[in-house]
N, C-alpha and C. Protein backbone atom coordinates (compact mmCIF):
# COMPACT_ATOMS: atom_id res chain seq x y z
N MET A 1 0.84 -1.18 0.00
CA MET A 1 0.00 0.00 0.00
C MET A 1 0.88 1.25 0.00
N THR A 2 0.45 2.22 -0.75
CA THR A 2 1.18 3.48 -0.72
C THR A 2 0.54 4.39 0.32
N PRO A 3 1.33 5.06 1.13
CA PRO A 3 0.77 5.89 2.18
C PRO A 3 -0.07 7.04 1.64
N ALA A 4 0.31 7.59 0.50
CA ALA A 4 -0.41 8.76 -0.02
C ALA A 4 -1.83 8.43 -0.46
N THR A 5 -2.03 7.27 -1.02
CA THR A 5 -3.34 6.95 -1.60
C THR A 5 -4.06 5.83 -0.88
N GLY A 6 -3.33 5.01 -0.15
CA GLY A 6 -3.96 3.85 0.48
C GLY A 6 -4.22 2.73 -0.50
N ARG A 7 -3.79 2.90 -1.74
CA ARG A 7 -3.97 1.86 -2.75
C ARG A 7 -2.74 0.98 -2.82
N ARG A 8 -2.95 -0.18 -3.35
CA ARG A 8 -1.84 -1.12 -3.49
C ARG A 8 -0.79 -0.60 -4.46
N HIS A 9 -1.21 -0.06 -5.58
CA HIS A 9 -0.28 0.46 -6.58
C HIS A 9 -0.65 1.90 -6.87
N ASP A 10 0.31 2.76 -6.85
CA ASP A 10 0.08 4.17 -7.15
C ASP A 10 0.42 4.42 -8.61
N ALA A 11 -0.59 4.68 -9.42
CA ALA A 11 -0.38 4.90 -10.86
C ALA A 11 0.05 6.33 -11.17
N GLY A 12 0.06 7.18 -10.17
CA GLY A 12 0.39 8.59 -10.40
C GLY A 12 1.74 8.82 -11.07
N PRO A 13 2.84 8.30 -10.53
CA PRO A 13 4.14 8.56 -11.16
C PRO A 13 4.25 8.06 -12.60
N PRO A 14 3.82 6.82 -12.91
CA PRO A 14 3.92 6.41 -14.32
C PRO A 14 3.04 7.25 -15.24
N CYS A 15 1.86 7.63 -14.78
CA CYS A 15 0.98 8.47 -15.60
C CYS A 15 1.61 9.84 -15.84
N ALA A 16 2.25 10.39 -14.82
CA ALA A 16 2.92 11.68 -14.98
C ALA A 16 4.03 11.58 -16.02
N ARG A 17 4.76 10.48 -16.04
CA ARG A 17 5.82 10.31 -17.04
C ARG A 17 5.24 10.21 -18.45
N LEU A 18 4.07 9.61 -18.59
CA LEU A 18 3.45 9.51 -19.91
C LEU A 18 2.98 10.88 -20.39
N ARG A 19 2.52 11.72 -19.48
CA ARG A 19 2.06 13.06 -19.85
C ARG A 19 3.22 14.00 -20.19
N THR A 20 4.41 13.65 -19.77
CA THR A 20 5.58 14.49 -20.00
C THR A 20 6.64 13.66 -20.73
N PRO A 21 6.49 13.53 -22.05
CA PRO A 21 7.45 12.70 -22.78
C PRO A 21 8.86 13.28 -22.73
N GLN A 22 9.81 12.41 -22.82
CA GLN A 22 11.20 12.82 -22.81
C GLN A 22 11.53 13.53 -24.13
N PRO A 23 12.29 14.62 -24.08
CA PRO A 23 12.58 15.39 -25.30
C PRO A 23 13.27 14.58 -26.40
N GLU A 24 14.04 13.58 -26.02
CA GLU A 24 14.81 12.84 -27.03
C GLU A 24 13.96 11.91 -27.89
N TRP A 25 12.69 11.74 -27.58
CA TRP A 25 11.88 10.83 -28.39
C TRP A 25 11.79 11.33 -29.83
N ARG A 26 11.82 12.64 -30.02
CA ARG A 26 11.70 13.20 -31.37
C ARG A 26 12.88 12.82 -32.27
N THR A 27 14.05 12.65 -31.68
CA THR A 27 15.22 12.35 -32.49
C THR A 27 15.13 10.97 -33.13
N GLY A 28 14.33 10.09 -32.55
CA GLY A 28 14.18 8.75 -33.09
C GLY A 28 13.22 8.66 -34.26
N LEU A 29 12.45 9.71 -34.52
CA LEU A 29 11.46 9.65 -35.60
C LEU A 29 12.12 9.39 -36.96
N ALA A 30 13.25 9.98 -37.21
CA ALA A 30 13.92 9.82 -38.50
C ALA A 30 14.32 8.38 -38.77
N SER A 31 14.44 7.58 -37.74
CA SER A 31 14.84 6.18 -37.93
C SER A 31 13.65 5.27 -38.25
N ILE A 32 12.45 5.79 -38.19
CA ILE A 32 11.26 4.99 -38.51
C ILE A 32 11.11 4.96 -40.03
N ARG A 33 11.26 3.80 -40.61
CA ARG A 33 11.23 3.65 -42.07
C ARG A 33 9.87 3.18 -42.59
N ALA A 34 8.99 2.81 -41.71
CA ALA A 34 7.68 2.32 -42.13
C ALA A 34 6.80 3.50 -42.56
N PRO A 35 5.98 3.30 -43.58
CA PRO A 35 5.02 4.35 -43.93
C PRO A 35 4.14 4.66 -42.71
N THR A 36 3.90 5.95 -42.50
CA THR A 36 3.20 6.39 -41.30
C THR A 36 2.07 7.34 -41.67
N LEU A 37 0.89 7.08 -41.16
CA LEU A 37 -0.25 7.97 -41.36
C LEU A 37 -0.44 8.80 -40.10
N ILE A 38 -0.54 10.10 -40.28
CA ILE A 38 -0.83 11.01 -39.17
C ILE A 38 -2.22 11.58 -39.42
N LEU A 39 -3.15 11.30 -38.53
CA LEU A 39 -4.49 11.85 -38.64
C LEU A 39 -4.58 13.08 -37.75
N ALA A 40 -4.89 14.22 -38.36
CA ALA A 40 -4.94 15.49 -37.63
C ALA A 40 -6.39 15.94 -37.49
N GLY A 41 -6.72 16.49 -36.36
CA GLY A 41 -8.09 16.90 -36.07
C GLY A 41 -8.42 18.35 -36.35
N GLU A 42 -7.67 19.03 -37.17
CA GLU A 42 -7.89 20.40 -37.57
C GLU A 42 -7.77 21.36 -36.38
N PRO A 43 -7.82 22.65 -36.62
CA PRO A 43 -7.61 23.62 -35.54
C PRO A 43 -8.56 23.51 -34.35
N ARG A 44 -9.69 22.89 -34.49
CA ARG A 44 -10.58 22.73 -33.33
C ARG A 44 -10.06 21.71 -32.33
N SER A 45 -9.09 20.92 -32.73
CA SER A 45 -8.47 19.97 -31.81
C SER A 45 -7.65 20.75 -30.79
N HIS A 46 -7.52 20.18 -29.60
CA HIS A 46 -6.70 20.85 -28.58
C HIS A 46 -5.21 20.69 -28.84
N LEU A 47 -4.85 19.89 -29.82
CA LEU A 47 -3.44 19.72 -30.18
C LEU A 47 -3.06 20.75 -31.23
N GLY A 48 -1.94 21.41 -31.03
CA GLY A 48 -1.50 22.44 -31.97
C GLY A 48 -1.22 21.87 -33.36
N GLN A 49 -1.68 22.58 -34.38
CA GLN A 49 -1.52 22.11 -35.75
C GLN A 49 -0.06 22.04 -36.18
N SER A 50 0.78 22.87 -35.60
CA SER A 50 2.19 22.85 -35.98
C SER A 50 2.85 21.52 -35.61
N ARG A 51 2.31 20.83 -34.62
CA ARG A 51 2.86 19.53 -34.23
C ARG A 51 2.80 18.53 -35.38
N TYR A 52 1.70 18.56 -36.11
CA TYR A 52 1.52 17.59 -37.19
C TYR A 52 2.55 17.80 -38.29
N ALA A 53 2.76 19.05 -38.67
CA ALA A 53 3.73 19.34 -39.73
C ALA A 53 5.14 18.95 -39.30
N LEU A 54 5.48 19.22 -38.06
CA LEU A 54 6.82 18.86 -37.57
C LEU A 54 7.02 17.35 -37.58
N ARG A 55 6.01 16.61 -37.21
CA ARG A 55 6.13 15.15 -37.19
C ARG A 55 6.21 14.60 -38.61
N GLU A 56 5.41 15.17 -39.50
CA GLU A 56 5.46 14.70 -40.88
C GLU A 56 6.84 14.97 -41.49
N GLN A 57 7.44 16.11 -41.18
CA GLN A 57 8.78 16.41 -41.68
C GLN A 57 9.83 15.48 -41.08
N ALA A 58 9.63 15.09 -39.82
CA ALA A 58 10.62 14.25 -39.14
C ALA A 58 10.56 12.78 -39.57
N LEU A 59 9.39 12.34 -39.99
CA LEU A 59 9.22 10.94 -40.40
C LEU A 59 9.49 10.82 -41.89
N PRO A 60 10.39 9.93 -42.30
CA PRO A 60 10.78 9.83 -43.70
C PRO A 60 9.64 9.52 -44.67
N ASP A 61 8.66 8.75 -44.26
CA ASP A 61 7.60 8.32 -45.17
C ASP A 61 6.24 8.54 -44.51
N ALA A 62 5.94 9.81 -44.20
CA ALA A 62 4.70 10.12 -43.49
C ALA A 62 3.74 10.91 -44.38
N LYS A 63 2.47 10.73 -44.09
CA LYS A 63 1.42 11.48 -44.76
C LYS A 63 0.45 11.95 -43.69
N THR A 64 0.04 13.22 -43.75
CA THR A 64 -0.93 13.76 -42.80
C THR A 64 -2.27 13.92 -43.49
N VAL A 65 -3.31 13.43 -42.86
CA VAL A 65 -4.68 13.61 -43.32
C VAL A 65 -5.40 14.42 -42.25
N THR A 66 -6.02 15.53 -42.65
CA THR A 66 -6.74 16.38 -41.71
C THR A 66 -8.23 16.15 -41.85
N VAL A 67 -8.88 15.91 -40.72
CA VAL A 67 -10.33 15.72 -40.67
C VAL A 67 -10.87 16.82 -39.76
N SER A 68 -11.75 17.67 -40.29
CA SER A 68 -12.17 18.86 -39.56
C SER A 68 -13.29 18.59 -38.54
N VAL A 69 -12.92 17.85 -37.51
CA VAL A 69 -13.90 17.59 -36.44
C VAL A 69 -13.33 17.85 -35.05
N GLY A 70 -12.11 18.30 -34.96
CA GLY A 70 -11.49 18.46 -33.65
C GLY A 70 -10.83 17.16 -33.23
N HIS A 71 -10.76 16.98 -31.92
CA HIS A 71 -10.11 15.79 -31.36
C HIS A 71 -11.04 14.59 -31.44
N ARG A 72 -10.53 13.39 -31.29
CA ARG A 72 -11.29 12.12 -31.31
C ARG A 72 -11.97 11.90 -32.67
N ILE A 73 -11.17 11.95 -33.70
CA ILE A 73 -11.67 11.77 -35.07
C ILE A 73 -12.41 10.45 -35.21
N HIS A 74 -11.85 9.39 -34.64
CA HIS A 74 -12.43 8.05 -34.79
C HIS A 74 -13.84 7.95 -34.24
N SER A 75 -14.19 8.74 -33.24
CA SER A 75 -15.54 8.64 -32.68
C SER A 75 -16.47 9.74 -33.17
N ARG A 76 -15.93 10.88 -33.55
CA ARG A 76 -16.77 11.99 -34.02
C ARG A 76 -17.05 11.93 -35.52
N ALA A 77 -16.16 11.30 -36.26
CA ALA A 77 -16.33 11.19 -37.71
C ALA A 77 -15.80 9.84 -38.17
N PRO A 78 -16.42 8.75 -37.71
CA PRO A 78 -15.87 7.42 -38.02
C PRO A 78 -15.77 7.13 -39.51
N GLU A 79 -16.71 7.63 -40.30
CA GLU A 79 -16.67 7.36 -41.74
C GLU A 79 -15.46 8.04 -42.37
N ARG A 80 -15.19 9.29 -41.97
CA ARG A 80 -14.05 10.01 -42.53
C ARG A 80 -12.74 9.44 -42.00
N TRP A 81 -12.74 8.98 -40.75
CA TRP A 81 -11.55 8.32 -40.20
C TRP A 81 -11.25 7.06 -41.01
N LEU A 82 -12.28 6.24 -41.24
CA LEU A 82 -12.10 5.00 -41.99
C LEU A 82 -11.67 5.29 -43.42
N SER A 83 -12.24 6.31 -44.03
CA SER A 83 -11.86 6.67 -45.39
C SER A 83 -10.39 7.08 -45.45
N GLY A 84 -9.94 7.89 -44.50
CA GLY A 84 -8.54 8.31 -44.47
C GLY A 84 -7.60 7.14 -44.31
N VAL A 85 -7.95 6.23 -43.41
CA VAL A 85 -7.11 5.05 -43.18
C VAL A 85 -7.14 4.13 -44.39
N SER A 86 -8.33 3.87 -44.93
CA SER A 86 -8.46 2.96 -46.09
C SER A 86 -7.71 3.49 -47.30
N ASP A 87 -7.85 4.79 -47.58
CA ASP A 87 -7.14 5.37 -48.72
C ASP A 87 -5.64 5.26 -48.55
N TRP A 88 -5.17 5.42 -47.32
CA TRP A 88 -3.74 5.36 -47.05
C TRP A 88 -3.21 3.94 -47.19
N LEU A 89 -4.01 2.97 -46.73
CA LEU A 89 -3.58 1.57 -46.83
C LEU A 89 -3.54 1.12 -48.28
């Protein structure tokens, strides 16, 4: 048991690490040789649009598809999500 929560396992520290990725992860993108699809949720998404362009530039064989529904493309626009994935495959 952890004293802070009284729970057997405290998920707080691992979750905090997931929310704060290590800066060096970006340097590994160039080594990914597999074709990569990046689905972007347009400016209504809480994720900055500049992130998508930077990732596409860093990945050697990437394509970005933008679906104008904001975040959670797969649940808010499943047909357009499927179309983007199917066309890419």
